[in-house]
């Protein structure tokens, strides 16, 4: 009997230790790899978009636009040097701190296969103008007008 009790106590103790160990694991593991550490042009596709800024992170030099994380970088890649150019609508250089949520930007860069975009150009632009819908009128002499008129009169009767 003592043997079975000691085994059950050991099993309960091991389960408790395992449970506490799992609870001590970090709650928020990074969901996205840091693509800037192992950046390679071989893992990228060209990216170009006009979008609204959804979020600005000044500490990490990141924007969120078009549901993509946009990295503003100054990278040395072997013999190549990649710097994100930040400009206003006229093309003049501006500081990253001038970007804010709700502004429209034109982003050109490289979309990494792991997600995120390494930008080569981020330009603030004017918001796009909405197009007014065009209404077409049908001339009363046209056969189409007469056909629609007949169908409506049949439906009303």
N, C-alpha and C. Protein backbone atom coordinates (compact mmCIF):
# COMPACT_ATOMS: atom_id res chain seq x y z
N UNK A 1 0.81 -1.18 0.00
CA UNK A 1 0.00 0.00 0.00
C UNK A 1 0.86 1.26 0.00
N UNK A 2 1.95 1.23 0.80
CA UNK A 2 2.84 2.39 0.83
C UNK A 2 3.48 2.64 -0.53
N UNK A 3 3.76 1.54 -1.23
CA UNK A 3 4.38 1.65 -2.54
C UNK A 3 3.46 2.37 -3.52
N UNK A 4 2.15 2.02 -3.55
CA UNK A 4 1.19 2.67 -4.45
C UNK A 4 0.98 4.14 -4.09
N UNK A 5 0.95 4.44 -2.80
CA UNK A 5 0.77 5.84 -2.37
C UNK A 5 1.98 6.69 -2.76
N UNK A 6 3.17 6.12 -2.63
CA UNK A 6 4.36 6.89 -2.98
C UNK A 6 4.41 7.13 -4.49
N UNK A 7 3.98 6.15 -5.31
CA UNK A 7 3.95 6.33 -6.76
C UNK A 7 2.92 7.39 -7.13
N UNK A 8 1.73 7.33 -6.52
CA UNK A 8 0.69 8.32 -6.85
C UNK A 8 1.12 9.71 -6.41
N UNK A 9 1.82 9.83 -5.28
CA UNK A 9 2.31 11.14 -4.84
C UNK A 9 3.35 11.68 -5.81
N UNK A 10 4.22 10.79 -6.32
CA UNK A 10 5.24 11.21 -7.28
C UNK A 10 4.60 11.67 -8.60
N UNK A 11 3.58 10.94 -9.05
CA UNK A 11 2.91 11.31 -10.30
C UNK A 11 2.22 12.66 -10.14
N UNK A 12 1.52 12.85 -9.02
CA UNK A 12 0.85 14.13 -8.77
C UNK A 12 1.87 15.25 -8.69
N UNK A 13 2.97 15.02 -8.00
CA UNK A 13 4.01 16.04 -7.88
C UNK A 13 4.62 16.37 -9.24
N UNK A 14 4.86 15.37 -10.09
CA UNK A 14 5.42 15.61 -11.42
C UNK A 14 4.44 16.40 -12.29
N UNK A 15 3.15 16.08 -12.20
CA UNK A 15 2.15 16.82 -12.97
C UNK A 15 2.09 18.27 -12.51
N UNK A 16 2.17 18.51 -11.20
CA UNK A 16 2.16 19.88 -10.69
C UNK A 16 3.40 20.65 -11.15
N UNK A 17 4.55 20.02 -11.10
CA UNK A 17 5.78 20.69 -11.54
C UNK A 17 5.71 21.00 -13.03
N UNK A 18 5.20 20.06 -13.82
CA UNK A 18 5.04 20.30 -15.26
C UNK A 18 4.06 21.43 -15.51
N UNK A 19 2.95 21.48 -14.78
CA UNK A 19 1.96 22.55 -14.94
C UNK A 19 2.53 23.91 -14.60
N UNK A 20 3.28 23.99 -13.49
CA UNK A 20 3.90 25.26 -13.10
C UNK A 20 4.94 25.67 -14.13
N UNK A 21 5.68 24.71 -14.66
CA UNK A 21 6.68 25.01 -15.69
C UNK A 21 6.05 25.58 -16.94
N UNK A 22 4.91 25.02 -17.34
CA UNK A 22 4.20 25.53 -18.53
C UNK A 22 3.67 26.94 -18.27
N UNK A 23 3.16 27.18 -17.08
CA UNK A 23 2.64 28.50 -16.75
C UNK A 23 3.73 29.56 -16.68
N UNK A 24 4.96 29.16 -16.43
CA UNK A 24 6.05 30.12 -16.34
C UNK A 24 6.64 30.48 -17.70
N UNK A 25 6.21 29.80 -18.76
CA UNK A 25 6.68 30.14 -20.10
C UNK A 25 6.20 31.54 -20.47
N UNK A 26 6.91 32.24 -21.32
CA UNK A 26 6.46 33.59 -21.70
C UNK A 26 5.11 33.55 -22.38
N UNK A 27 4.26 34.50 -22.00
CA UNK A 27 2.90 34.55 -22.54
C UNK A 27 2.89 35.05 -23.97
N UNK A 28 3.72 36.01 -24.30
CA UNK A 28 3.70 36.63 -25.62
C UNK A 28 5.00 36.31 -26.34
N UNK A 29 5.00 35.26 -27.10
CA UNK A 29 6.15 34.95 -27.94
C UNK A 29 6.02 35.75 -29.23
N UNK A 30 7.12 36.26 -29.77
CA UNK A 30 7.01 37.04 -31.01
C UNK A 30 6.44 36.20 -32.14
N UNK A 31 5.43 36.71 -32.79
CA UNK A 31 4.78 35.97 -33.87
C UNK A 31 5.55 36.12 -35.17
N UNK A 32 6.33 37.15 -35.27
CA UNK A 32 7.02 37.43 -36.53
C UNK A 32 8.52 37.42 -36.30
N UNK A 33 9.23 36.79 -37.21
CA UNK A 33 10.68 36.79 -37.14
C UNK A 33 11.20 38.19 -37.48
N UNK A 34 12.32 38.53 -36.92
CA UNK A 34 12.90 39.82 -37.25
C UNK A 34 13.61 39.69 -38.60
N UNK A 35 12.96 40.13 -39.65
CA UNK A 35 13.48 39.92 -41.00
C UNK A 35 14.71 40.76 -41.28
N UNK A 36 14.95 41.78 -40.46
CA UNK A 36 16.09 42.64 -40.73
C UNK A 36 17.42 41.98 -40.37
N UNK A 37 17.39 40.98 -39.46
CA UNK A 37 18.64 40.32 -39.07
C UNK A 37 19.20 39.47 -40.20
N UNK A 38 18.34 38.75 -40.91
CA UNK A 38 18.79 37.85 -41.97
C UNK A 38 18.19 38.26 -43.31
N UNK A 39 18.22 39.54 -43.62
CA UNK A 39 17.59 40.03 -44.83
C UNK A 39 18.40 39.63 -46.06
N UNK A 40 17.68 39.17 -47.08
CA UNK A 40 18.31 38.83 -48.35
C UNK A 40 17.33 39.19 -49.47
N UNK A 41 17.84 39.76 -50.54
CA UNK A 41 16.98 40.12 -51.67
C UNK A 41 16.42 38.87 -52.36
N UNK A 42 17.07 37.72 -52.15
CA UNK A 42 16.58 36.48 -52.74
C UNK A 42 15.25 36.04 -52.15
N UNK A 43 14.96 36.48 -50.92
CA UNK A 43 13.72 36.10 -50.22
C UNK A 43 12.62 37.15 -50.38
N UNK A 44 12.76 38.04 -51.35
CA UNK A 44 11.83 39.17 -51.46
C UNK A 44 11.17 39.25 -52.83
N UNK A 45 10.02 39.91 -52.84
CA UNK A 45 9.32 40.26 -54.06
C UNK A 45 9.15 41.77 -54.09
N UNK A 46 9.08 42.39 -55.27
CA UNK A 46 8.84 43.83 -55.34
C UNK A 46 7.49 44.17 -54.72
N UNK A 47 7.41 45.33 -54.09
CA UNK A 47 6.19 45.76 -53.41
C UNK A 47 5.98 47.24 -53.69
N UNK A 48 4.73 47.59 -53.99
CA UNK A 48 4.38 48.99 -54.26
C UNK A 48 2.92 49.17 -53.90
N UNK A 49 2.61 50.22 -53.11
CA UNK A 49 1.23 50.43 -52.67
C UNK A 49 1.01 51.89 -52.30
N UNK A 50 -0.22 52.34 -52.49
CA UNK A 50 -0.70 53.62 -51.96
C UNK A 50 -1.70 53.26 -50.88
N UNK A 51 -1.44 53.67 -49.64
CA UNK A 51 -2.29 53.21 -48.54
C UNK A 51 -2.34 54.24 -47.42
N UNK A 52 -3.28 54.02 -46.53
CA UNK A 52 -3.47 54.84 -45.34
C UNK A 52 -2.62 54.27 -44.22
N UNK A 53 -1.93 55.14 -43.48
CA UNK A 53 -1.13 54.68 -42.34
C UNK A 53 -2.09 54.27 -41.23
N UNK A 54 -1.96 53.03 -40.77
CA UNK A 54 -2.82 52.52 -39.71
C UNK A 54 -2.17 52.67 -38.34
N UNK A 55 -0.84 52.64 -38.30
CA UNK A 55 -0.12 52.72 -37.03
C UNK A 55 1.30 53.18 -37.29
N UNK A 56 1.88 53.92 -36.33
CA UNK A 56 3.27 54.36 -36.43
C UNK A 56 3.98 53.94 -35.15
N UNK A 57 5.12 53.26 -35.29
CA UNK A 57 5.92 52.86 -34.15
C UNK A 57 7.28 53.55 -34.28
N UNK A 58 7.46 54.63 -33.55
CA UNK A 58 8.67 55.43 -33.64
C UNK A 58 9.89 54.74 -33.06
N UNK A 59 9.69 53.90 -32.03
CA UNK A 59 10.83 53.22 -31.39
C UNK A 59 11.48 52.20 -32.33
N UNK A 60 10.66 51.49 -33.09
CA UNK A 60 11.18 50.47 -34.00
C UNK A 60 11.30 50.97 -35.44
N UNK A 61 10.92 52.21 -35.70
CA UNK A 61 10.93 52.80 -37.05
C UNK A 61 10.10 51.93 -37.99
N UNK A 62 8.84 51.73 -37.61
CA UNK A 62 7.93 50.91 -38.42
C UNK A 62 6.62 51.64 -38.62
N UNK A 63 6.03 51.40 -39.78
CA UNK A 63 4.68 51.86 -40.09
C UNK A 63 3.83 50.63 -40.38
N UNK A 64 2.55 50.74 -40.14
CA UNK A 64 1.62 49.71 -40.60
C UNK A 64 0.71 50.39 -41.61
N UNK A 65 0.77 49.90 -42.84
CA UNK A 65 -0.05 50.42 -43.93
C UNK A 65 -0.42 49.25 -44.83
N UNK A 66 -1.64 49.25 -45.32
CA UNK A 66 -2.15 48.17 -46.17
C UNK A 66 -2.00 46.82 -45.46
N UNK A 67 -2.18 46.85 -44.15
CA UNK A 67 -2.09 45.66 -43.31
C UNK A 67 -0.73 44.98 -43.42
N UNK A 68 0.31 45.74 -43.66
CA UNK A 68 1.68 45.24 -43.75
C UNK A 68 2.55 46.08 -42.82
N UNK A 69 3.52 45.43 -42.18
CA UNK A 69 4.50 46.17 -41.39
C UNK A 69 5.55 46.70 -42.37
N UNK A 70 5.73 48.02 -42.36
CA UNK A 70 6.69 48.67 -43.25
C UNK A 70 7.91 49.05 -42.41
N UNK A 71 9.07 48.47 -42.72
CA UNK A 71 10.30 48.75 -41.99
C UNK A 71 11.03 49.90 -42.67
N UNK A 72 11.35 50.93 -41.89
CA UNK A 72 12.18 52.04 -42.35
C UNK A 72 13.60 51.69 -41.91
N UNK A 73 14.51 51.53 -42.87
CA UNK A 73 15.81 50.92 -42.57
C UNK A 73 17.00 51.76 -43.01
N UNK A 74 18.14 51.37 -42.47
CA UNK A 74 19.45 51.84 -42.88
C UNK A 74 20.36 50.61 -42.77
N UNK A 75 20.38 49.78 -43.82
CA UNK A 75 21.04 48.48 -43.78
C UNK A 75 22.28 48.44 -44.64
N UNK A 76 23.31 47.74 -44.15
CA UNK A 76 24.47 47.40 -44.95
C UNK A 76 24.36 45.92 -45.27
N UNK A 77 24.23 45.60 -46.55
CA UNK A 77 24.09 44.21 -46.99
C UNK A 77 25.30 43.85 -47.84
N UNK A 78 26.38 43.52 -47.17
CA UNK A 78 27.61 43.23 -47.90
C UNK A 78 28.12 44.48 -48.58
N UNK A 79 28.14 44.47 -49.91
CA UNK A 79 28.61 45.64 -50.65
C UNK A 79 27.49 46.61 -50.99
N UNK A 80 26.25 46.27 -50.61
CA UNK A 80 25.10 47.14 -50.90
C UNK A 80 24.65 47.86 -49.63
N UNK A 81 24.09 49.04 -49.82
CA UNK A 81 23.60 49.84 -48.71
C UNK A 81 22.16 50.24 -49.03
N UNK A 82 21.22 49.90 -48.16
CA UNK A 82 19.81 50.20 -48.38
C UNK A 82 19.34 51.18 -47.32
N UNK A 83 18.91 52.35 -47.75
CA UNK A 83 18.38 53.38 -46.86
C UNK A 83 16.99 53.74 -47.35
N UNK A 84 16.03 53.78 -46.43
CA UNK A 84 14.68 54.18 -46.79
C UNK A 84 14.64 55.69 -46.98
N UNK A 85 14.14 56.11 -48.12
CA UNK A 85 13.99 57.54 -48.41
C UNK A 85 12.61 57.99 -47.97
N UNK A 86 12.55 58.97 -47.10
CA UNK A 86 11.29 59.51 -46.59
C UNK A 86 11.07 60.89 -47.20
N UNK A 87 9.95 61.07 -47.92
CA UNK A 87 9.73 62.33 -48.62
C UNK A 87 8.30 62.83 -48.41
N UNK A 88 8.13 64.13 -48.65
CA UNK A 88 6.79 64.72 -48.64
C UNK A 88 6.23 64.66 -50.07
N UNK A 89 5.01 65.17 -50.30
CA UNK A 89 4.43 65.08 -51.65
C UNK A 89 5.26 65.74 -52.75
N UNK A 90 6.05 66.76 -52.41
CA UNK A 90 6.88 67.44 -53.41
C UNK A 90 8.21 66.74 -53.64
N UNK A 91 8.54 65.72 -52.85
CA UNK A 91 9.79 64.99 -53.00
C UNK A 91 10.90 65.46 -52.08
N UNK A 92 10.62 66.40 -51.18
CA UNK A 92 11.63 66.88 -50.24
C UNK A 92 11.77 65.88 -49.10
N UNK A 93 13.00 65.71 -48.62
CA UNK A 93 13.26 64.76 -47.52
C UNK A 93 12.60 65.26 -46.24
N UNK A 94 12.03 64.30 -45.48
CA UNK A 94 11.40 64.64 -44.20
C UNK A 94 11.86 63.63 -43.15
N UNK A 95 11.56 63.93 -41.90
CA UNK A 95 11.92 63.07 -40.79
C UNK A 95 10.81 62.04 -40.54
N UNK A 96 11.17 60.90 -39.97
CA UNK A 96 10.19 59.84 -39.69
C UNK A 96 9.10 60.32 -38.73
N UNK A 97 9.45 61.22 -37.84
CA UNK A 97 8.48 61.68 -36.83
C UNK A 97 7.33 62.48 -37.44
N UNK A 98 7.44 62.91 -38.69
CA UNK A 98 6.36 63.68 -39.31
C UNK A 98 5.22 62.78 -39.80
N UNK A 99 5.44 61.47 -39.85
CA UNK A 99 4.37 60.56 -40.26
C UNK A 99 3.46 60.29 -39.07
N UNK A 100 2.16 60.26 -39.35
CA UNK A 100 1.19 59.99 -38.28
C UNK A 100 0.05 59.14 -38.84
N UNK A 101 -0.69 58.59 -37.93
CA UNK A 101 -1.81 57.73 -38.29
C UNK A 101 -2.85 58.54 -39.08
N UNK A 102 -3.39 57.93 -40.15
CA UNK A 102 -4.41 58.59 -40.95
C UNK A 102 -3.88 59.29 -42.19
N UNK A 103 -2.56 59.39 -42.34
CA UNK A 103 -1.99 60.00 -43.54
C UNK A 103 -1.90 58.96 -44.65
N UNK A 104 -1.93 59.44 -45.88
CA UNK A 104 -1.77 58.56 -47.03
C UNK A 104 -0.31 58.54 -47.44
N UNK A 105 0.20 57.35 -47.78
CA UNK A 105 1.59 57.21 -48.20
C UNK A 105 1.69 56.33 -49.44
N UNK A 106 2.75 56.57 -50.19
CA UNK A 106 3.13 55.71 -51.30
C UNK A 106 4.38 54.96 -50.82
N UNK A 107 4.32 53.63 -50.81
CA UNK A 107 5.42 52.82 -50.31
C UNK A 107 5.94 51.95 -51.45
N UNK A 108 7.26 51.97 -51.61
CA UNK A 108 7.91 51.12 -52.61
C UNK A 108 9.05 50.41 -51.89
N UNK A 109 9.13 49.09 -52.10
CA UNK A 109 10.18 48.35 -51.42
C UNK A 109 10.16 46.89 -51.77
N UNK A 110 10.49 46.06 -50.76
CA UNK A 110 10.66 44.63 -50.97
C UNK A 110 9.86 43.87 -49.91
N UNK A 111 8.92 43.05 -50.36
CA UNK A 111 8.10 42.26 -49.45
C UNK A 111 8.81 40.94 -49.17
N UNK A 112 9.09 40.69 -47.90
CA UNK A 112 9.80 39.49 -47.49
C UNK A 112 8.84 38.31 -47.43
N UNK A 113 9.34 37.09 -47.68
CA UNK A 113 8.47 35.92 -47.67
C UNK A 113 7.94 35.61 -46.27
N UNK A 114 8.63 36.06 -45.22
CA UNK A 114 8.16 35.85 -43.85
C UNK A 114 7.18 36.93 -43.40
N UNK A 115 6.87 37.88 -44.27
CA UNK A 115 5.97 38.98 -43.93
C UNK A 115 6.75 40.25 -43.69
N UNK A 116 6.08 41.36 -43.83
CA UNK A 116 6.73 42.65 -43.65
C UNK A 116 7.34 43.15 -44.94
N UNK A 117 7.53 44.46 -44.98
CA UNK A 117 8.06 45.11 -46.18
C UNK A 117 9.24 45.98 -45.77
N UNK A 118 10.37 45.78 -46.41
CA UNK A 118 11.53 46.65 -46.22
C UNK A 118 11.41 47.74 -47.28
N UNK A 119 11.18 48.96 -46.84
CA UNK A 119 10.87 50.06 -47.75
C UNK A 119 12.14 50.71 -48.28
N UNK A 120 12.12 51.04 -49.56
CA UNK A 120 13.18 51.86 -50.14
C UNK A 120 12.70 53.30 -50.29
N UNK A 121 11.36 53.48 -50.36
CA UNK A 121 10.76 54.81 -50.46
C UNK A 121 9.44 54.84 -49.71
N UNK A 122 9.28 55.84 -48.85
CA UNK A 122 7.98 56.11 -48.21
C UNK A 122 7.71 57.59 -48.46
N UNK A 123 6.69 57.86 -49.27
CA UNK A 123 6.37 59.24 -49.63
C UNK A 123 4.96 59.57 -49.17
N UNK A 124 4.84 60.66 -48.43
CA UNK A 124 3.52 61.12 -48.02
C UNK A 124 2.83 61.70 -49.25
N UNK A 125 1.55 61.32 -49.45
CA UNK A 125 0.81 61.78 -50.63
C UNK A 125 -0.53 62.35 -50.20
N UNK A 126 -1.16 63.05 -51.13
CA UNK A 126 -2.50 63.60 -50.88
C UNK A 126 -3.50 62.45 -50.93
N UNK A 127 -4.56 62.54 -50.14
CA UNK A 127 -5.57 61.47 -50.19
C UNK A 127 -6.20 61.38 -51.57
N UNK A 128 -6.51 60.18 -52.03
CA UNK A 128 -7.14 60.04 -53.35
C UNK A 128 -8.53 60.64 -53.34
N UNK A 129 -8.89 61.24 -54.46
CA UNK A 129 -10.22 61.83 -54.56
C UNK A 129 -11.21 60.76 -55.00
N UNK A 130 -12.37 60.80 -54.38
CA UNK A 130 -13.40 59.84 -54.72
C UNK A 130 -14.05 60.23 -56.04
N UNK A 131 -14.29 59.25 -56.87
CA UNK A 131 -14.93 59.53 -58.14
C UNK A 131 -16.44 59.54 -57.96
N UNK A 132 -17.08 60.52 -58.59
CA UNK A 132 -18.54 60.58 -58.53
C UNK A 132 -19.11 59.57 -59.51
N UNK A 133 -20.17 58.89 -59.11
CA UNK A 133 -20.78 57.95 -60.05
C UNK A 133 -21.42 58.69 -61.22
N UNK A 134 -21.35 58.11 -62.38
CA UNK A 134 -21.95 58.73 -63.56
C UNK A 134 -23.33 58.13 -63.79
N UNK A 135 -24.28 58.98 -64.02
CA UNK A 135 -25.65 58.54 -64.29
C UNK A 135 -25.92 58.68 -65.78
N UNK A 136 -26.46 57.64 -66.34
CA UNK A 136 -26.80 57.67 -67.76
C UNK A 136 -28.31 57.79 -67.88
N UNK A 137 -28.74 58.65 -68.73
CA UNK A 137 -30.17 58.76 -68.99
C UNK A 137 -30.49 58.05 -70.31
N UNK A 138 -31.65 57.48 -70.35
CA UNK A 138 -32.07 56.77 -71.55
C UNK A 138 -33.07 57.67 -72.29
N UNK A 139 -32.78 57.91 -73.53
CA UNK A 139 -33.66 58.74 -74.34
C UNK A 139 -35.02 58.04 -74.51
N UNK A 140 -36.09 58.83 -74.51
CA UNK A 140 -37.45 58.26 -74.60
C UNK A 140 -37.72 57.63 -75.96
N UNK A 141 -36.94 57.99 -76.95
CA UNK A 141 -37.16 57.44 -78.28
C UNK A 141 -36.46 56.09 -78.48
N UNK A 142 -35.58 55.72 -77.60
CA UNK A 142 -34.81 54.50 -77.78
C UNK A 142 -35.66 53.27 -77.50
N UNK A 143 -35.43 52.20 -78.18
CA UNK A 143 -36.19 50.97 -77.97
C UNK A 143 -36.04 50.42 -76.56
N UNK A 144 -34.89 50.63 -75.96
CA UNK A 144 -34.67 50.14 -74.60
C UNK A 144 -35.63 50.81 -73.62
N UNK A 145 -35.83 52.11 -73.78
CA UNK A 145 -36.74 52.84 -72.91
C UNK A 145 -38.16 52.30 -73.06
N UNK A 146 -38.58 52.07 -74.28
CA UNK A 146 -39.93 51.56 -74.53
C UNK A 146 -40.11 50.16 -73.94
N UNK A 147 -39.10 49.34 -74.05
CA UNK A 147 -39.16 47.98 -73.50
C UNK A 147 -39.28 48.02 -71.97
N UNK A 148 -38.47 48.85 -71.31
CA UNK A 148 -38.53 48.97 -69.85
C UNK A 148 -39.89 49.52 -69.43
N UNK A 149 -40.40 50.49 -70.16
CA UNK A 149 -41.71 51.09 -69.86
C UNK A 149 -42.81 50.02 -69.95
N UNK A 150 -42.77 49.18 -71.00
CA UNK A 150 -43.76 48.11 -71.16
C UNK A 150 -43.70 47.12 -70.00
N UNK A 151 -42.48 46.74 -69.61
CA UNK A 151 -42.34 45.77 -68.51
C UNK A 151 -42.87 46.36 -67.20
N UNK A 152 -42.61 47.63 -66.95
CA UNK A 152 -43.13 48.25 -65.74
C UNK A 152 -44.66 48.33 -65.75
N UNK A 153 -45.23 48.61 -66.92
CA UNK A 153 -46.70 48.70 -66.98
C UNK A 153 -47.32 47.31 -66.77
N UNK A 154 -46.68 46.25 -67.25
CA UNK A 154 -47.17 44.88 -67.03
C UNK A 154 -47.08 44.53 -65.54
N UNK A 155 -46.00 44.91 -64.89
CA UNK A 155 -45.83 44.63 -63.46
C UNK A 155 -46.85 45.40 -62.62
N UNK A 156 -47.15 46.64 -63.00
CA UNK A 156 -48.08 47.46 -62.22
C UNK A 156 -49.53 46.99 -62.39
N UNK A 157 -49.86 46.32 -63.49
CA UNK A 157 -51.23 45.86 -63.72
C UNK A 157 -51.44 44.50 -63.20
